[in-house]
Amino acid sequence: MMFQRIRLHARGFVYRLLKYPRMWYHAVKAKKNNNFTPTIICNNCTAGFLLHDLQLQFRTPTINTLFYSFDEFMLFVQNLHELQHTSVYPIASSYAYPVGEIKLKGGAIRVGFVHYSSFEDAMTAWKRRFERVNFSNLYVLYEGQITEKEVETFSKLPYPKAILSHKNVALETKYEFYHGFGFYKKWYPGIIGDYKNWFSLQRWLDDFNYIEFLN
């Protein structure tokens, strides 16, 4: 117990120590970006980290959200124009955060509002950011474990797109939007937003050339 407390204090100290060097690193990197108004539709918080580090406005409703399956995320992406004016209803769940559901074309899309204290707060942000969506500058990003069949389905989206997932030479060769990384061997939700180690200036996300992706 004592060791854990010391470790937590040490980690907190290092985090405070590196706060500004990390901000400097991302600010310098952001200067290479030439796309200042992108909308990035993402299945989890990855786009939030990316836009935050580039100091860009959140022009997407999927900030601080989570989709529970690939199929639900695809249904969302494929019907973005319609969903801009579709209601989201709160549903009961075992999670500590609010969860909403969208009924669409005989199916349902569940959305976890993982960083909101209430469904009302989530809806306020959701509607505000949906109004900012730039359909002429729209990107789709999928992060996490994925099957080859799902990659094939993803390939048919008519937008600039990227998948960040485990190493797979065959998929990386076949699909230029597929980016495999070694750190997915120890994957868990949210790892991509973590810094590589206590003293690193880079997140695991920085292994993806998102400047090139947006430019």
Protein backbone atom coordinates (compact mmCIF):
# COMPACT_ATOMS: atom_id res chain seq x y z
CA MET A 1 0.00 0.00 0.00
CA MET A 2 2.80 2.42 0.92
CA PHE A 3 4.64 1.64 -2.34
CA GLN A 4 1.49 2.33 -4.36
CA ARG A 5 0.98 5.68 -2.65
CA ILE A 6 4.61 6.68 -3.30
CA ARG A 7 4.26 5.60 -6.92
CA LEU A 8 1.09 7.64 -7.40
CA HIS A 9 2.70 10.72 -5.86
CA ALA A 10 5.78 10.29 -8.05
CA ARG A 11 3.67 9.87 -11.16
CA GLY A 12 1.66 12.98 -10.31
CA PHE A 13 4.86 14.96 -9.79
CA VAL A 14 6.25 13.86 -13.17
CA TYR A 15 2.94 14.68 -14.85
CA ARG A 16 3.02 18.24 -13.46
CA LEU A 17 6.69 18.57 -14.37
CA LEU A 18 6.07 17.59 -17.99
CA LYS A 19 2.82 19.49 -18.48
CA TYR A 20 4.40 22.41 -20.31
CA PRO A 21 7.07 20.44 -22.25
CA ARG A 22 4.26 18.24 -23.56
CA MET A 23 2.20 21.29 -24.50
CA TRP A 24 5.26 22.71 -26.30
CA TYR A 25 5.82 19.45 -28.19
CA HIS A 26 2.23 19.34 -29.46
CA ALA A 27 2.21 23.07 -30.27
CA VAL A 28 5.32 22.70 -32.44
CA LYS A 29 3.82 19.66 -34.13
CA ALA A 30 0.55 21.50 -34.75
CA LYS A 31 2.35 24.13 -36.83
CA LYS A 32 2.76 21.51 -39.57
CA ASN A 33 -0.99 21.15 -39.90
CA ASN A 34 -2.69 23.05 -42.74
CA ASN A 35 -6.25 21.85 -42.12
CA PHE A 36 -7.90 24.03 -39.49
CA THR A 37 -11.59 23.10 -39.80
CA PRO A 38 -11.79 19.28 -40.07
CA THR A 39 -14.65 17.20 -38.78
CA ILE A 40 -13.41 13.84 -37.50
CA ILE A 41 -16.04 11.21 -36.80
CA CYS A 42 -14.53 8.64 -34.46
CA ASN A 43 -15.75 5.58 -32.56
CA ASN A 44 -14.16 6.71 -29.30
CA CYS A 45 -12.12 9.50 -27.69
CA THR A 46 -9.17 9.26 -30.09
CA ALA A 47 -10.30 12.21 -32.22
CA GLY A 48 -10.64 14.27 -29.06
CA PHE A 49 -6.98 13.74 -28.18
CA LEU A 50 -5.96 14.53 -31.76
CA LEU A 51 -7.98 17.75 -32.03
CA HIS A 52 -6.92 18.85 -28.55
CA ASP A 53 -3.23 18.38 -29.34
CA LEU A 54 -3.66 20.31 -32.61
CA GLN A 55 -5.58 23.05 -30.75
CA LEU A 56 -8.51 22.77 -33.16
CA GLN A 57 -12.18 23.39 -32.48
CA PHE A 58 -14.36 20.34 -31.83
CA ARG A 59 -16.44 20.17 -35.03
CA THR A 60 -17.76 16.69 -34.38
CA PRO A 61 -20.48 15.32 -32.09
CA THR A 62 -18.43 12.22 -31.26
CA ILE A 63 -16.11 14.00 -28.82
CA ASN A 64 -16.07 12.24 -25.42
CA THR A 65 -18.28 9.45 -26.73
CA LEU A 66 -18.07 5.71 -27.28
CA PHE A 67 -19.78 3.41 -29.78
CA TYR A 68 -20.33 -0.12 -28.53
CA SER A 69 -19.91 -2.00 -31.80
CA PHE A 70 -18.46 -1.56 -35.26
CA ASP A 71 -21.87 -2.04 -36.89
CA GLU A 72 -23.45 0.72 -34.80
CA PHE A 73 -20.61 3.09 -35.64
CA MET A 74 -20.94 2.33 -39.35
CA LEU A 75 -24.68 2.93 -39.26
CA PHE A 76 -23.96 6.29 -37.68
CA VAL A 77 -21.33 7.30 -40.25
CA GLN A 78 -23.45 6.17 -43.20
CA ASN A 79 -26.39 8.33 -42.09
CA LEU A 80 -24.70 11.46 -40.79
CA HIS A 81 -26.87 13.94 -42.68
CA GLU A 82 -30.07 12.36 -41.39
CA LEU A 83 -28.76 11.94 -37.86
CA GLN A 84 -28.04 15.64 -37.58
CA HIS A 85 -31.77 16.10 -36.96
CA THR A 86 -32.54 12.81 -35.20
CA SER A 87 -33.31 12.62 -31.49
CA VAL A 88 -31.16 10.75 -28.99
CA TYR A 89 -33.00 9.15 -26.08
CA PRO A 90 -31.53 8.18 -22.68
CA ILE A 91 -31.49 4.47 -21.89
CA ALA A 92 -30.79 2.55 -18.71
CA SER A 93 -27.34 1.01 -18.36
CA SER A 94 -24.93 -0.32 -15.76
CA TYR A 95 -22.33 2.33 -16.62
CA ALA A 96 -21.53 5.32 -14.41
CA TYR A 97 -21.92 7.66 -17.38
CA PRO A 98 -25.10 8.43 -19.39
CA VAL A 99 -25.93 6.31 -22.44
CA GLY A 100 -28.16 7.36 -25.31
CA GLU A 101 -29.85 5.50 -28.15
CA ILE A 102 -30.76 6.55 -31.67
CA LYS A 103 -33.46 4.62 -33.53
CA LEU A 104 -32.73 4.46 -37.23
CA LYS A 105 -33.96 2.33 -40.14
CA GLY A 106 -35.11 -0.52 -37.96
CA GLY A 107 -31.85 -0.54 -36.01
CA ALA A 108 -30.46 1.21 -32.97
CA ILE A 109 -27.22 3.06 -32.28
CA ARG A 110 -26.07 3.24 -28.67
CA VAL A 111 -23.76 6.08 -27.71
CA GLY A 112 -21.90 6.22 -24.41
CA PHE A 113 -21.29 9.77 -23.22
CA VAL A 114 -18.29 8.74 -21.18
CA HIS A 115 -17.11 12.14 -19.93
CA TYR A 116 -20.44 13.74 -19.10
CA SER A 117 -22.10 13.94 -15.70
CA SER A 118 -25.63 14.00 -17.08
CA PHE A 119 -27.54 13.15 -20.24
CA GLU A 120 -28.69 16.77 -20.48
CA ASP A 121 -25.11 18.07 -20.51
CA ALA A 122 -24.21 15.45 -23.11
CA MET A 123 -27.08 16.51 -25.37
CA THR A 124 -26.14 20.18 -25.12
CA ALA A 125 -22.61 19.42 -26.34
CA TRP A 126 -23.84 16.87 -28.91
CA LYS A 127 -26.23 19.35 -30.59
CA ARG A 128 -23.77 22.24 -30.47
CA ARG A 129 -21.00 20.21 -32.09
CA PHE A 130 -23.30 18.62 -34.66
CA GLU A 131 -24.11 22.15 -35.87
CA ARG A 132 -20.38 22.66 -36.52
CA VAL A 133 -19.95 19.55 -38.68
CA ASN A 134 -18.07 20.39 -41.86
CA PHE A 135 -19.43 17.88 -44.39
CA SER A 136 -17.02 19.13 -47.06
CA ASN A 137 -14.00 18.46 -44.82
CA LEU A 138 -15.00 15.24 -43.09
CA TYR A 139 -12.77 12.37 -41.95
CA VAL A 140 -13.59 9.03 -40.37
CA LEU A 141 -11.30 7.43 -37.81
CA TYR A 142 -11.69 4.00 -36.23
CA GLU A 143 -9.47 2.93 -33.34
CA GLY A 144 -9.33 -0.46 -31.66
CA GLN A 145 -9.63 -4.14 -32.42
CA ILE A 146 -11.23 -4.94 -35.76
CA THR A 147 -11.84 -7.95 -38.04
CA GLU A 148 -10.83 -8.26 -41.67
CA LYS A 149 -14.49 -8.32 -42.72
CA GLU A 150 -15.08 -5.07 -40.86
CA VAL A 151 -12.05 -3.49 -42.54
CA GLU A 152 -13.50 -4.41 -45.92
CA THR A 153 -16.82 -2.79 -44.97
CA PHE A 154 -14.99 0.30 -43.72
CA SER A 155 -13.12 0.58 -47.04
CA LYS A 156 -16.37 1.46 -48.83
CA LEU A 157 -16.91 4.71 -46.93
CA PRO A 158 -16.75 7.71 -49.30
CA TYR A 159 -14.63 9.82 -46.93
CA PRO A 160 -10.92 10.14 -46.14
CA LYS A 161 -10.49 7.48 -43.47
CA ALA A 162 -8.06 5.66 -41.23
CA ILE A 163 -8.05 2.59 -39.03
CA LEU A 164 -5.62 2.37 -36.11
CA SER A 165 -5.31 -1.19 -34.90
CA HIS A 166 -3.04 -4.19 -34.39
CA LYS A 167 -0.19 -5.09 -36.74
CA ASN A 168 -1.42 -6.96 -39.80
CA VAL A 169 0.90 -6.91 -42.79
CA ALA A 170 -1.74 -8.26 -45.17
CA LEU A 171 -4.27 -5.57 -44.24
CA GLU A 172 -1.67 -2.81 -44.26
CA THR A 173 -0.61 -3.89 -47.75
CA LYS A 174 -4.14 -4.17 -49.10
CA TYR A 175 -5.60 -1.03 -47.53
CA GLU A 176 -3.54 2.15 -47.38
CA PHE A 177 -5.85 3.54 -44.69
CA TYR A 178 -5.06 0.66 -42.33
CA HIS A 179 -2.31 1.51 -39.83
CA GLY A 180 -1.05 -1.28 -37.59
CA PHE A 181 1.01 -0.67 -34.46
CA GLY A 182 2.93 -2.92 -32.12
CA PHE A 183 1.53 -1.38 -28.94
CA TYR A 184 -1.83 -3.00 -29.69
CA LYS A 185 -0.37 -6.20 -28.26
CA LYS A 186 -1.18 -4.68 -24.89
CA TRP A 187 -4.29 -2.81 -26.07
CA TYR A 188 -6.97 -1.57 -23.71
CA PRO A 189 -9.59 1.15 -24.24
CA GLY A 190 -7.94 4.55 -24.10
CA ILE A 191 -4.32 3.41 -24.42
CA ILE A 192 -3.85 5.48 -27.56
CA GLY A 193 -4.26 8.68 -25.55
CA ASP A 194 -1.71 7.65 -22.94
CA TYR A 195 1.84 8.92 -22.98
CA LYS A 196 4.34 6.21 -23.89
CA ASN A 197 5.97 6.35 -20.49
CA TRP A 198 6.22 8.67 -17.52
CA PHE A 199 8.81 10.89 -19.17
CA SER A 200 7.65 10.78 -22.78
CA LEU A 201 6.43 13.84 -24.66
CA GLN A 202 4.54 11.61 -27.10
CA ARG A 203 1.26 9.78 -26.80
CA TRP A 204 0.85 6.40 -28.46
CA LEU A 205 -1.38 8.34 -30.86
CA ASP A 206 1.72 10.11 -32.14
CA ASP A 207 2.78 6.86 -33.81
CA PHE A 208 0.04 7.73 -36.33
CA ASN A 209 0.95 10.52 -38.75
CA TYR A 210 -2.30 12.41 -38.27
CA ILE A 211 -0.79 15.61 -39.70
CA GLU A 212 -0.34 13.86 -43.04
CA PHE A 213 -3.81 12.32 -42.69
CA LEU A 214 -5.49 15.73 -42.32
CA ASN A 215 -3.29 17.58 -44.82
